[in-house]
């Protein structure tokens, strides 16, 4: 995997990717960056690189041209959502 070109995301996602690769014994050669999981999958399908995506991203949309392999060992991380109290109860269309 270390000879592959990698597609990374936001700074937090990129840090997670680098840490996972480091624990596997290599440093990823990052060639592309995007925060959009659909774009990431399109780039993977086009052969521009490989990526590490959360299962939820594949549940929302899975490009049939993309071959998915589960990480071994499975990777976990926690993400937190914070919102302003003035937005409580506001429909998602207003966000």
PDB file of N, CA and C in Angstrom:
ATOM      1  N   UNK A   1       0.815  -1.206   0.000  1.00  0.00           N
ATOM      2  CA  UNK A   1       0.000   0.000   0.000  1.00  0.00           C
ATOM      3  C   UNK A   1       0.853   1.262   0.000  1.00  0.00           C
ATOM      4  N   UNK A   2       2.081   1.180   0.466  1.00  0.00           N
ATOM      5  CA  UNK A   2       2.886   2.389   0.594  1.00  0.00           C
ATOM      6  C   UNK A   2       3.287   2.977  -0.754  1.00  0.00           C
ATOM      7  N   UNK A   3       3.193   2.216  -1.855  1.00  0.00           N
ATOM      8  CA  UNK A   3       3.530   2.741  -3.173  1.00  0.00           C
ATOM      9  C   UNK A   3       2.315   3.397  -3.834  1.00  0.00           C
ATOM     10  N   UNK A   4       1.184   3.386  -3.165  1.00  0.00           N
ATOM     11  CA  UNK A   4      -0.046   3.951  -3.714  1.00  0.00           C
ATOM     12  C   UNK A   4      -0.095   5.468  -3.545  1.00  0.00           C
ATOM     13  N   UNK A   5      -0.806   6.112  -4.448  1.00  0.00           N
ATOM     14  CA  UNK A   5      -1.143   7.524  -4.276  1.00  0.00           C
ATOM     15  C   UNK A   5      -2.414   7.559  -3.437  1.00  0.00           C
ATOM     16  N   UNK A   6      -2.429   8.459  -2.464  1.00  0.00           N
ATOM     17  CA  UNK A   6      -3.554   8.526  -1.540  1.00  0.00           C
ATOM     18  C   UNK A   6      -4.372   9.792  -1.765  1.00  0.00           C
ATOM     19  N   UNK A   7      -5.666   9.683  -1.440  1.00  0.00           N
ATOM     20  CA  UNK A   7      -6.593  10.802  -1.458  1.00  0.00           C
ATOM     21  C   UNK A   7      -6.974  11.064  -0.004  1.00  0.00           C
ATOM     22  N   UNK A   8      -6.756  12.286   0.446  1.00  0.00           N
ATOM     23  CA  UNK A   8      -7.015  12.648   1.838  1.00  0.00           C
ATOM     24  C   UNK A   8      -8.167  13.651   1.910  1.00  0.00           C
ATOM     25  N   UNK A   9      -8.629  13.898   3.127  1.00  0.00           N
ATOM     26  CA  UNK A   9      -9.749  14.815   3.336  1.00  0.00           C
ATOM     27  C   UNK A   9      -9.352  16.027   4.146  1.00  0.00           C
ATOM     28  N   UNK A  10     -10.231  16.420   5.052  1.00  0.00           N
ATOM     29  CA  UNK A  10     -10.006  17.580   5.911  1.00  0.00           C
ATOM     30  C   UNK A  10      -8.753  17.352   6.765  1.00  0.00           C
ATOM     31  N   UNK A  11      -8.255  18.392   7.441  1.00  0.00           N
ATOM     32  CA  UNK A  11      -7.061  18.208   8.271  1.00  0.00           C
ATOM     33  C   UNK A  11      -7.204  17.096   9.321  1.00  0.00           C
ATOM     34  N   UNK A  12      -8.353  16.988   9.955  1.00  0.00           N
ATOM     35  CA  UNK A  12      -8.566  15.940  10.954  1.00  0.00           C
ATOM     36  C   UNK A  12      -8.553  14.559  10.302  1.00  0.00           C
ATOM     37  N   UNK A  13      -9.209  14.435   9.157  1.00  0.00           N
ATOM     38  CA  UNK A  13      -9.244  13.158   8.435  1.00  0.00           C
ATOM     39  C   UNK A  13      -7.856  12.785   7.927  1.00  0.00           C
ATOM     40  N   UNK A  14      -7.105  13.782   7.456  1.00  0.00           N
ATOM     41  CA  UNK A  14      -5.754  13.529   6.974  1.00  0.00           C
ATOM     42  C   UNK A  14      -4.857  13.064   8.115  1.00  0.00           C
ATOM     43  N   UNK A  15      -4.989  13.695   9.275  1.00  0.00           N
ATOM     44  CA  UNK A  15      -4.207  13.277  10.441  1.00  0.00           C
ATOM     45  C   UNK A  15      -4.536  11.833  10.820  1.00  0.00           C
ATOM     46  N   UNK A  16      -5.815  11.486  10.754  1.00  0.00           N
ATOM     47  CA  UNK A  16      -6.226  10.110  11.058  1.00  0.00           C
ATOM     48  C   UNK A  16      -5.630   9.146  10.029  1.00  0.00           C
ATOM     49  N   UNK A  17      -5.694   9.496   8.755  1.00  0.00           N
ATOM     50  CA  UNK A  17      -5.128   8.668   7.694  1.00  0.00           C
ATOM     51  C   UNK A  17      -3.637   8.433   7.928  1.00  0.00           C
ATOM     52  N   UNK A  18      -2.899   9.507   8.205  1.00  0.00           N
ATOM     53  CA  UNK A  18      -1.452   9.395   8.436  1.00  0.00           C
ATOM     54  C   UNK A  18      -1.171   8.500   9.636  1.00  0.00           C
ATOM     55  N   UNK A  19      -1.947   8.637  10.699  1.00  0.00           N
ATOM     56  CA  UNK A  19      -1.750   7.816  11.893  1.00  0.00           C
ATOM     57  C   UNK A  19      -2.030   6.341  11.606  1.00  0.00           C
ATOM     58  N   UNK A  20      -3.105   6.064  10.876  1.00  0.00           N
ATOM     59  CA  UNK A  20      -3.439   4.675  10.543  1.00  0.00           C
ATOM     60  C   UNK A  20      -2.334   4.067   9.680  1.00  0.00           C
ATOM     61  N   UNK A  21      -1.854   4.823   8.701  1.00  0.00           N
ATOM     62  CA  UNK A  21      -0.786   4.324   7.836  1.00  0.00           C
ATOM     63  C   UNK A  21       0.506   4.129   8.626  1.00  0.00           C
ATOM     64  N   UNK A  22       0.804   5.064   9.508  1.00  0.00           N
ATOM     65  CA  UNK A  22       2.008   4.953  10.338  1.00  0.00           C
ATOM     66  C   UNK A  22       1.950   3.679  11.185  1.00  0.00           C
ATOM     67  N   UNK A  23       0.773   3.394  11.740  1.00  0.00           N
ATOM     68  CA  UNK A  23       0.647   2.184  12.556  1.00  0.00           C
ATOM     69  C   UNK A  23       0.778   0.922  11.706  1.00  0.00           C
ATOM     70  N   UNK A  24       0.529   1.046  10.393  1.00  0.00           N
ATOM     71  CA  UNK A  24       0.703  -0.084   9.475  1.00  0.00           C
ATOM     72  C   UNK A  24       2.129  -0.142   8.927  1.00  0.00           C
ATOM     73  N   UNK A  25       2.965   0.838   9.299  1.00  0.00           N
ATOM     74  CA  UNK A  25       4.368   0.787   8.932  1.00  0.00           C
ATOM     75  C   UNK A  25       4.785   1.576   7.718  1.00  0.00           C
ATOM     76  N   UNK A  26       3.952   2.528   7.277  1.00  0.00           N
ATOM     77  CA  UNK A  26       4.344   3.354   6.143  1.00  0.00           C
ATOM     78  C   UNK A  26       3.734   4.739   6.237  1.00  0.00           C
ATOM     79  N   UNK A  27       4.214   5.650   5.404  1.00  0.00           N
ATOM     80  CA  UNK A  27       3.683   7.006   5.332  1.00  0.00           C
ATOM     81  C   UNK A  27       2.958   7.164   3.996  1.00  0.00           C
ATOM     82  N   UNK A  28       1.690   7.604   4.001  1.00  0.00           N
ATOM     83  CA  UNK A  28       0.945   7.704   2.742  1.00  0.00           C
ATOM     84  C   UNK A  28       1.461   8.841   1.862  1.00  0.00           C
ATOM     85  N   UNK A  29       1.557   8.581   0.576  1.00  0.00           N
ATOM     86  CA  UNK A  29       1.941   9.601  -0.405  1.00  0.00           C
ATOM     87  C   UNK A  29       0.649  10.268  -0.877  1.00  0.00           C
ATOM     88  N   UNK A  30       0.299  11.394  -0.243  1.00  0.00           N
ATOM     89  CA  UNK A  30      -0.974  12.074  -0.526  1.00  0.00           C
ATOM     90  C   UNK A  30      -0.826  12.949  -1.765  1.00  0.00           C
ATOM     91  N   UNK A  31      -1.671  12.668  -2.772  1.00  0.00           N
ATOM     92  CA  UNK A  31      -1.627  13.405  -4.025  1.00  0.00           C
ATOM     93  C   UNK A  31      -2.837  14.302  -4.227  1.00  0.00           C
ATOM     94  N   UNK A  32      -3.943  13.979  -3.579  1.00  0.00           N
ATOM     95  CA  UNK A  32      -5.180  14.737  -3.764  1.00  0.00           C
ATOM     96  C   UNK A  32      -5.866  14.923  -2.417  1.00  0.00           C
ATOM     97  N   UNK A  33      -6.623  16.020  -2.293  1.00  0.00           N
ATOM     98  CA  UNK A  33      -7.372  16.283  -1.065  1.00  0.00           C
ATOM     99  C   UNK A  33      -8.755  16.821  -1.411  1.00  0.00           C
ATOM    100  N   UNK A  34      -9.757  16.314  -0.724  1.00  0.00           N
ATOM    101  CA  UNK A  34     -11.122  16.808  -0.849  1.00  0.00           C
ATOM    102  C   UNK A  34     -11.895  16.412   0.397  1.00  0.00           C
ATOM    103  N   UNK A  35     -12.870  17.221   0.771  1.00  0.00           N
ATOM    104  CA  UNK A  35     -13.753  16.906   1.895  1.00  0.00           C
ATOM    105  C   UNK A  35     -15.015  16.182   1.420  1.00  0.00           C
ATOM    106  N   UNK A  36     -15.137  15.970   0.139  1.00  0.00           N
ATOM    107  CA  UNK A  36     -16.353  15.413  -0.458  1.00  0.00           C
ATOM    108  C   UNK A  36     -16.158  13.917  -0.727  1.00  0.00           C
ATOM    109  N   UNK A  37     -16.934  13.067  -0.031  1.00  0.00           N
ATOM    110  CA  UNK A  37     -16.787  11.620  -0.182  1.00  0.00           C
ATOM    111  C   UNK A  37     -17.202  11.131  -1.569  1.00  0.00           C
ATOM    112  N   UNK A  38     -18.147  11.798  -2.201  1.00  0.00           N
ATOM    113  CA  UNK A  38     -18.553  11.413  -3.551  1.00  0.00           C
ATOM    114  C   UNK A  38     -17.407  11.700  -4.526  1.00  0.00           C
ATOM    115  N   UNK A  39     -16.774  12.854  -4.380  1.00  0.00           N
ATOM    116  CA  UNK A  39     -15.623  13.187  -5.217  1.00  0.00           C
ATOM    117  C   UNK A  39     -14.477  12.205  -4.959  1.00  0.00           C
ATOM    118  N   UNK A  40     -14.251  11.884  -3.689  1.00  0.00           N
ATOM    119  CA  UNK A  40     -13.204  10.914  -3.355  1.00  0.00           C
ATOM    120  C   UNK A  40     -13.433   9.604  -4.094  1.00  0.00           C
ATOM    121  N   UNK A  41     -14.657   9.118  -4.055  1.00  0.00           N
ATOM    122  CA  UNK A  41     -14.950   7.860  -4.744  1.00  0.00           C
ATOM    123  C   UNK A  41     -14.788   7.989  -6.255  1.00  0.00           C
ATOM    124  N   UNK A  42     -15.155   9.120  -6.821  1.00  0.00           N
ATOM    125  CA  UNK A  42     -14.979   9.330  -8.262  1.00  0.00           C
ATOM    126  C   UNK A  42     -13.497   9.318  -8.626  1.00  0.00           C
ATOM    127  N   UNK A  43     -12.674   9.939  -7.787  1.00  0.00           N
ATOM    128  CA  UNK A  43     -11.227   9.941  -8.035  1.00  0.00           C
ATOM    129  C   UNK A  43     -10.643   8.538  -7.904  1.00  0.00           C
ATOM    130  N   UNK A  44     -11.119   7.776  -6.918  1.00  0.00           N
ATOM    131  CA  UNK A  44     -10.667   6.389  -6.775  1.00  0.00           C
ATOM    132  C   UNK A  44     -11.073   5.598  -8.009  1.00  0.00           C
ATOM    133  N   UNK A  45     -12.316   5.748  -8.448  1.00  0.00           N
ATOM    134  CA  UNK A  45     -12.809   5.038  -9.628  1.00  0.00           C
ATOM    135  C   UNK A  45     -12.007   5.398 -10.877  1.00  0.00           C
ATOM    136  N   UNK A  46     -11.527   6.644 -10.933  1.00  0.00           N
ATOM    137  CA  UNK A  46     -10.735   7.100 -12.088  1.00  0.00           C
ATOM    138  C   UNK A  46      -9.280   6.655 -11.990  1.00  0.00           C
ATOM    139  N   UNK A  47      -8.918   6.000 -10.878  1.00  0.00           N
ATOM    140  CA  UNK A  47      -7.567   5.507 -10.722  1.00  0.00           C
ATOM    141  C   UNK A  47      -6.568   6.539 -10.235  1.00  0.00           C
ATOM    142  N   UNK A  48      -7.071   7.639  -9.634  1.00  0.00           N
ATOM    143  CA  UNK A  48      -6.178   8.697  -9.167  1.00  0.00           C
ATOM    144  C   UNK A  48      -5.565   8.417  -7.801  1.00  0.00           C
ATOM    145  N   UNK A  49      -6.073   7.415  -7.097  1.00  0.00           N
ATOM    146  CA  UNK A  49      -5.521   7.094  -5.791  1.00  0.00           C
ATOM    147  C   UNK A  49      -6.427   6.166  -5.013  1.00  0.00           C
ATOM    148  N   UNK A  50      -5.996   5.877  -3.796  1.00  0.00           N
ATOM    149  CA  UNK A  50      -6.778   5.079  -2.858  1.00  0.00           C
ATOM    150  C   UNK A  50      -7.150   5.970  -1.687  1.00  0.00           C
ATOM    151  N   UNK A  51      -8.149   5.561  -0.922  1.00  0.00           N
ATOM    152  CA  UNK A  51      -8.627   6.405   0.171  1.00  0.00           C
ATOM    153  C   UNK A  51      -9.109   5.545   1.332  1.00  0.00           C
ATOM    154  N   UNK A  52      -9.130   6.149   2.496  1.00  0.00           N
ATOM    155  CA  UNK A  52      -9.690   5.547   3.700  1.00  0.00           C
ATOM    156  C   UNK A  52     -10.953   6.331   4.025  1.00  0.00           C
ATOM    157  N   UNK A  53     -12.115   5.668   3.921  1.00  0.00           N
ATOM    158  CA  UNK A  53     -13.390   6.339   4.160  1.00  0.00           C
ATOM    159  C   UNK A  53     -14.145   5.676   5.297  1.00  0.00           C
ATOM    160  N   UNK A  54     -14.953   6.447   6.014  1.00  0.00           N
ATOM    161  CA  UNK A  54     -15.800   5.840   7.048  1.00  0.00           C
ATOM    162  C   UNK A  54     -16.936   5.044   6.397  1.00  0.00           C
ATOM    163  N   UNK A  55     -17.378   4.003   7.074  1.00  0.00           N
ATOM    164  CA  UNK A  55     -18.460   3.160   6.567  1.00  0.00           C
ATOM    165  C   UNK A  55     -19.704   4.004   6.250  1.00  0.00           C
ATOM    166  N   UNK A  56     -19.976   5.011   7.088  1.00  0.00           N
ATOM    167  CA  UNK A  56     -21.154   5.849   6.880  1.00  0.00           C
ATOM    168  C   UNK A  56     -21.115   6.545   5.518  1.00  0.00           C
ATOM    169  N   UNK A  57     -19.927   6.942   5.069  1.00  0.00           N
ATOM    170  CA  UNK A  57     -19.809   7.585   3.752  1.00  0.00           C
ATOM    171  C   UNK A  57     -20.227   6.625   2.644  1.00  0.00           C
ATOM    172  N   UNK A  58     -19.935   5.356   2.809  1.00  0.00           N
ATOM    173  CA  UNK A  58     -20.311   4.365   1.802  1.00  0.00           C
ATOM    174  C   UNK A  58     -21.780   3.981   1.911  1.00  0.00           C
ATOM    175  N   UNK A  59     -22.360   4.158   3.090  1.00  0.00           N
ATOM    176  CA  UNK A  59     -23.783   3.902   3.263  1.00  0.00           C
ATOM    177  C   UNK A  59     -24.599   4.981   2.561  1.00  0.00           C
ATOM    178  N   UNK A  60     -24.129   6.213   2.640  1.00  0.00           N
ATOM    179  CA  UNK A  60     -24.828   7.334   2.015  1.00  0.00           C
ATOM    180  C   UNK A  60     -24.734   7.269   0.496  1.00  0.00           C
ATOM    181  N   UNK A  61     -23.558   6.886  -0.017  1.00  0.00           N
ATOM    182  CA  UNK A  61     -23.346   6.777  -1.457  1.00  0.00           C
ATOM    183  C   UNK A  61     -22.169   5.847  -1.701  1.00  0.00           C
ATOM    184  N   UNK A  62     -22.359   4.887  -2.596  1.00  0.00           N
ATOM    185  CA  UNK A  62     -21.283   3.961  -2.941  1.00  0.00           C
ATOM    186  C   UNK A  62     -21.199   3.866  -4.453  1.00  0.00           C
ATOM    187  N   UNK A  63     -20.141   4.405  -5.015  1.00  0.00           N
ATOM    188  CA  UNK A  63     -19.905   4.349  -6.457  1.00  0.00           C
ATOM    189  C   UNK A  63     -19.640   2.891  -6.826  1.00  0.00           C
ATOM    190  N   UNK A  64     -20.433   2.295  -7.706  1.00  0.00           N
ATOM    191  CA  UNK A  64     -20.259   0.878  -8.031  1.00  0.00           C
ATOM    192  C   UNK A  64     -18.924   0.560  -8.713  1.00  0.00           C
ATOM    193  N   UNK A  65     -18.217   1.570  -9.168  1.00  0.00           N
ATOM    194  CA  UNK A  65     -16.905   1.343  -9.794  1.00  0.00           C
ATOM    195  C   UNK A  65     -15.786   1.197  -8.759  1.00  0.00           C
ATOM    196  N   UNK A  66     -16.102   1.462  -7.491  1.00  0.00           N
ATOM    197  CA  UNK A  66     -15.103   1.443  -6.431  1.00  0.00           C
ATOM    198  C   UNK A  66     -15.107   0.087  -5.728  1.00  0.00           C
ATOM    199  N   UNK A  67     -13.919  -0.513  -5.628  1.00  0.00           N
ATOM    200  CA  UNK A  67     -13.756  -1.770  -4.891  1.00  0.00           C
ATOM    201  C   UNK A  67     -13.434  -1.417  -3.444  1.00  0.00           C
ATOM    202  N   UNK A  68     -14.237  -1.903  -2.520  1.00  0.00           N
ATOM    203  CA  UNK A  68     -14.077  -1.584  -1.100  1.00  0.00           C
ATOM    204  C   UNK A  68     -13.488  -2.780  -0.362  1.00  0.00           C
ATOM    205  N   UNK A  69     -12.476  -2.507   0.433  1.00  0.00           N
ATOM    206  CA  UNK A  69     -11.838  -3.516   1.274  1.00  0.00           C
ATOM    207  C   UNK A  69     -11.888  -2.992   2.706  1.00  0.00           C
ATOM    208  N   UNK A  70     -12.338  -3.816   3.626  1.00  0.00           N
ATOM    209  CA  UNK A  70     -12.403  -3.406   5.029  1.00  0.00           C
ATOM    210  C   UNK A  70     -10.996  -3.263   5.594  1.00  0.00           C
ATOM    211  N   UNK A  71     -10.812  -2.238   6.403  1.00  0.00           N
ATOM    212  CA  UNK A  71      -9.527  -2.042   7.082  1.00  0.00           C
ATOM    213  C   UNK A  71      -9.333  -3.170   8.092  1.00  0.00           C
ATOM    214  N   UNK A  72      -8.113  -3.653   8.180  1.00  0.00           N
ATOM    215  CA  UNK A  72      -7.801  -4.725   9.116  1.00  0.00           C
ATOM    216  C   UNK A  72      -6.543  -4.359   9.882  1.00  0.00           C
ATOM    217  N   UNK A  73      -6.624  -4.039  11.153  1.00  0.00           N
ATOM    218  CA  UNK A  73      -7.840  -4.113  11.970  1.00  0.00           C
ATOM    219  C   UNK A  73      -8.759  -2.933  11.677  1.00  0.00           C
ATOM    220  N   UNK A  74     -10.039  -3.124  11.988  1.00  0.00           N
ATOM    221  CA  UNK A  74     -11.025  -2.066  11.792  1.00  0.00           C
ATOM    222  C   UNK A  74     -10.628  -0.832  12.594  1.00  0.00           C
ATOM    223  N   UNK A  75     -10.801   0.332  11.991  1.00  0.00           N
ATOM    224  CA  UNK A  75     -10.399   1.587  12.611  1.00  0.00           C
ATOM    225  C   UNK A  75     -11.616   2.283  13.224  1.00  0.00           C
ATOM    226  N   UNK A  76     -11.397   2.935  14.364  1.00  0.00           N
ATOM    227  CA  UNK A  76     -12.472   3.662  15.030  1.00  0.00           C
ATOM    228  C   UNK A  76     -11.963   5.044  15.440  1.00  0.00           C
ATOM    229  N   UNK A  77     -12.840   6.014  15.397  1.00  0.00           N
ATOM    230  CA  UNK A  77     -12.540   7.327  15.949  1.00  0.00           C
ATOM    231  C   UNK A  77     -13.853   7.990  16.301  1.00  0.00           C
ATOM    232  N   UNK A  78     -13.800   8.983  17.182  1.00  0.00           N
ATOM    233  CA  UNK A  78     -15.001   9.698  17.597  1.00  0.00           C
ATOM    234  C   UNK A  78     -15.000  11.084  16.973  1.00  0.00           C
ATOM    235  N   UNK A  79     -16.167  11.487  16.510  1.00  0.00           N
ATOM    236  CA  UNK A  79     -16.378  12.839  16.002  1.00  0.00           C
ATOM    237  C   UNK A  79     -17.483  13.466  16.830  1.00  0.00           C
ATOM    238  N   UNK A  80     -17.380  14.753  17.055  1.00  0.00           N
ATOM    239  CA  UNK A  80     -18.369  15.457  17.855  1.00  0.00           C
ATOM    240  C   UNK A  80     -18.987  16.574  17.029  1.00  0.00           C
ATOM    241  N   UNK A  81     -20.261  16.812  17.243  1.00  0.00           N
ATOM    242  CA  UNK A  81     -20.987  17.868  16.561  1.00  0.00           C
ATOM    243  C   UNK A  81     -21.382  18.917  17.588  1.00  0.00           C
ATOM    244  N   UNK A  82     -21.125  20.149  17.282  1.00  0.00           N
ATOM    245  CA  UNK A  82     -21.495  21.259  18.144  1.00  0.00           C
ATOM    246  C   UNK A  82     -22.357  22.199  17.318  1.00  0.00           C
ATOM    247  N   UNK A  83     -23.435  22.673  17.916  1.00  0.00           N
ATOM    248  CA  UNK A  83     -24.268  23.647  17.202  1.00  0.00           C
ATOM    249  C   UNK A  83     -24.612  24.791  18.152  1.00  0.00           C
ATOM    250  N   UNK A  84     -24.977  25.896  17.578  1.00  0.00           N
ATOM    251  CA  UNK A  84     -25.347  27.074  18.360  1.00  0.00           C
ATOM    252  C   UNK A  84     -26.768  26.894  18.866  1.00  0.00           C
ATOM    253  N   UNK A  85     -27.014  27.238  20.123  1.00  0.00           N
ATOM    254  CA  UNK A  85     -28.339  27.017  20.713  1.00  0.00           C
ATOM    255  C   UNK A  85     -29.437  27.783  19.984  1.00  0.00           C
ATOM    256  N   UNK A  86     -29.124  28.903  19.328  1.00  0.00           N
ATOM    257  CA  UNK A  86     -30.135  29.643  18.576  1.00  0.00           C
ATOM    258  C   UNK A  86     -30.635  28.864  17.369  1.00  0.00           C
ATOM    259  N   UNK A  87     -29.901  27.842  16.965  1.00  0.00           N
ATOM    260  CA  UNK A  87     -30.328  27.030  15.824  1.00  0.00           C
ATOM    261  C   UNK A  87     -31.124  25.815  16.226  1.00  0.00           C
ATOM    262  N   UNK A  88     -31.274  25.580  17.527  1.00  0.00           N
ATOM    263  CA  UNK A  88     -32.044  24.435  17.991  1.00  0.00           C
ATOM    264  C   UNK A  88     -33.463  24.531  17.449  1.00  0.00           C
ATOM    265  N   UNK A  89     -33.923  23.456  16.859  1.00  0.00           N
ATOM    266  CA  UNK A  89     -35.270  23.429  16.316  1.00  0.00           C
ATOM    267  C   UNK A  89     -35.395  23.983  14.918  1.00  0.00           C
ATOM    268  N   UNK A  90     -34.340  24.560  14.378  1.00  0.00           N
ATOM    269  CA  UNK A  90     -34.384  25.072  13.015  1.00  0.00           C
ATOM    270  C   UNK A  90     -34.243  23.891  12.071  1.00  0.00           C
ATOM    271  N   UNK A  91     -35.064  23.854  11.033  1.00  0.00           N
ATOM    272  CA  UNK A  91     -34.984  22.766  10.047  1.00  0.00           C
ATOM    273  C   UNK A  91     -33.647  22.738   9.345  1.00  0.00           C
ATOM    274  N   UNK A  92     -33.244  21.552   8.878  1.00  0.00           N
ATOM    275  CA  UNK A  92     -31.956  21.408   8.224  1.00  0.00           C
ATOM    276  C   UNK A  92     -31.868  22.213   6.937  1.00  0.00           C
ATOM    277  N   UNK A  93     -33.012  22.571   6.333  1.00  0.00           N
ATOM    278  CA  UNK A  93     -32.961  23.362   5.111  1.00  0.00           C
ATOM    279  C   UNK A  93     -32.452  24.781   5.362  1.00  0.00           C
ATOM    280  N   UNK A  94     -32.526  25.227   6.622  1.00  0.00           N
ATOM    281  CA  UNK A  94     -32.046  26.574   6.958  1.00  0.00           C
ATOM    282  C   UNK A  94     -30.559  26.568   7.243  1.00  0.00           C
ATOM    283  N   UNK A  95     -29.974  25.397   7.489  1.00  0.00           N
ATOM    284  CA  UNK A  95     -28.556  25.312   7.812  1.00  0.00           C
ATOM    285  C   UNK A  95     -27.811  25.417   6.572  1.00  0.00           C
TER     286      UNK A  95
END
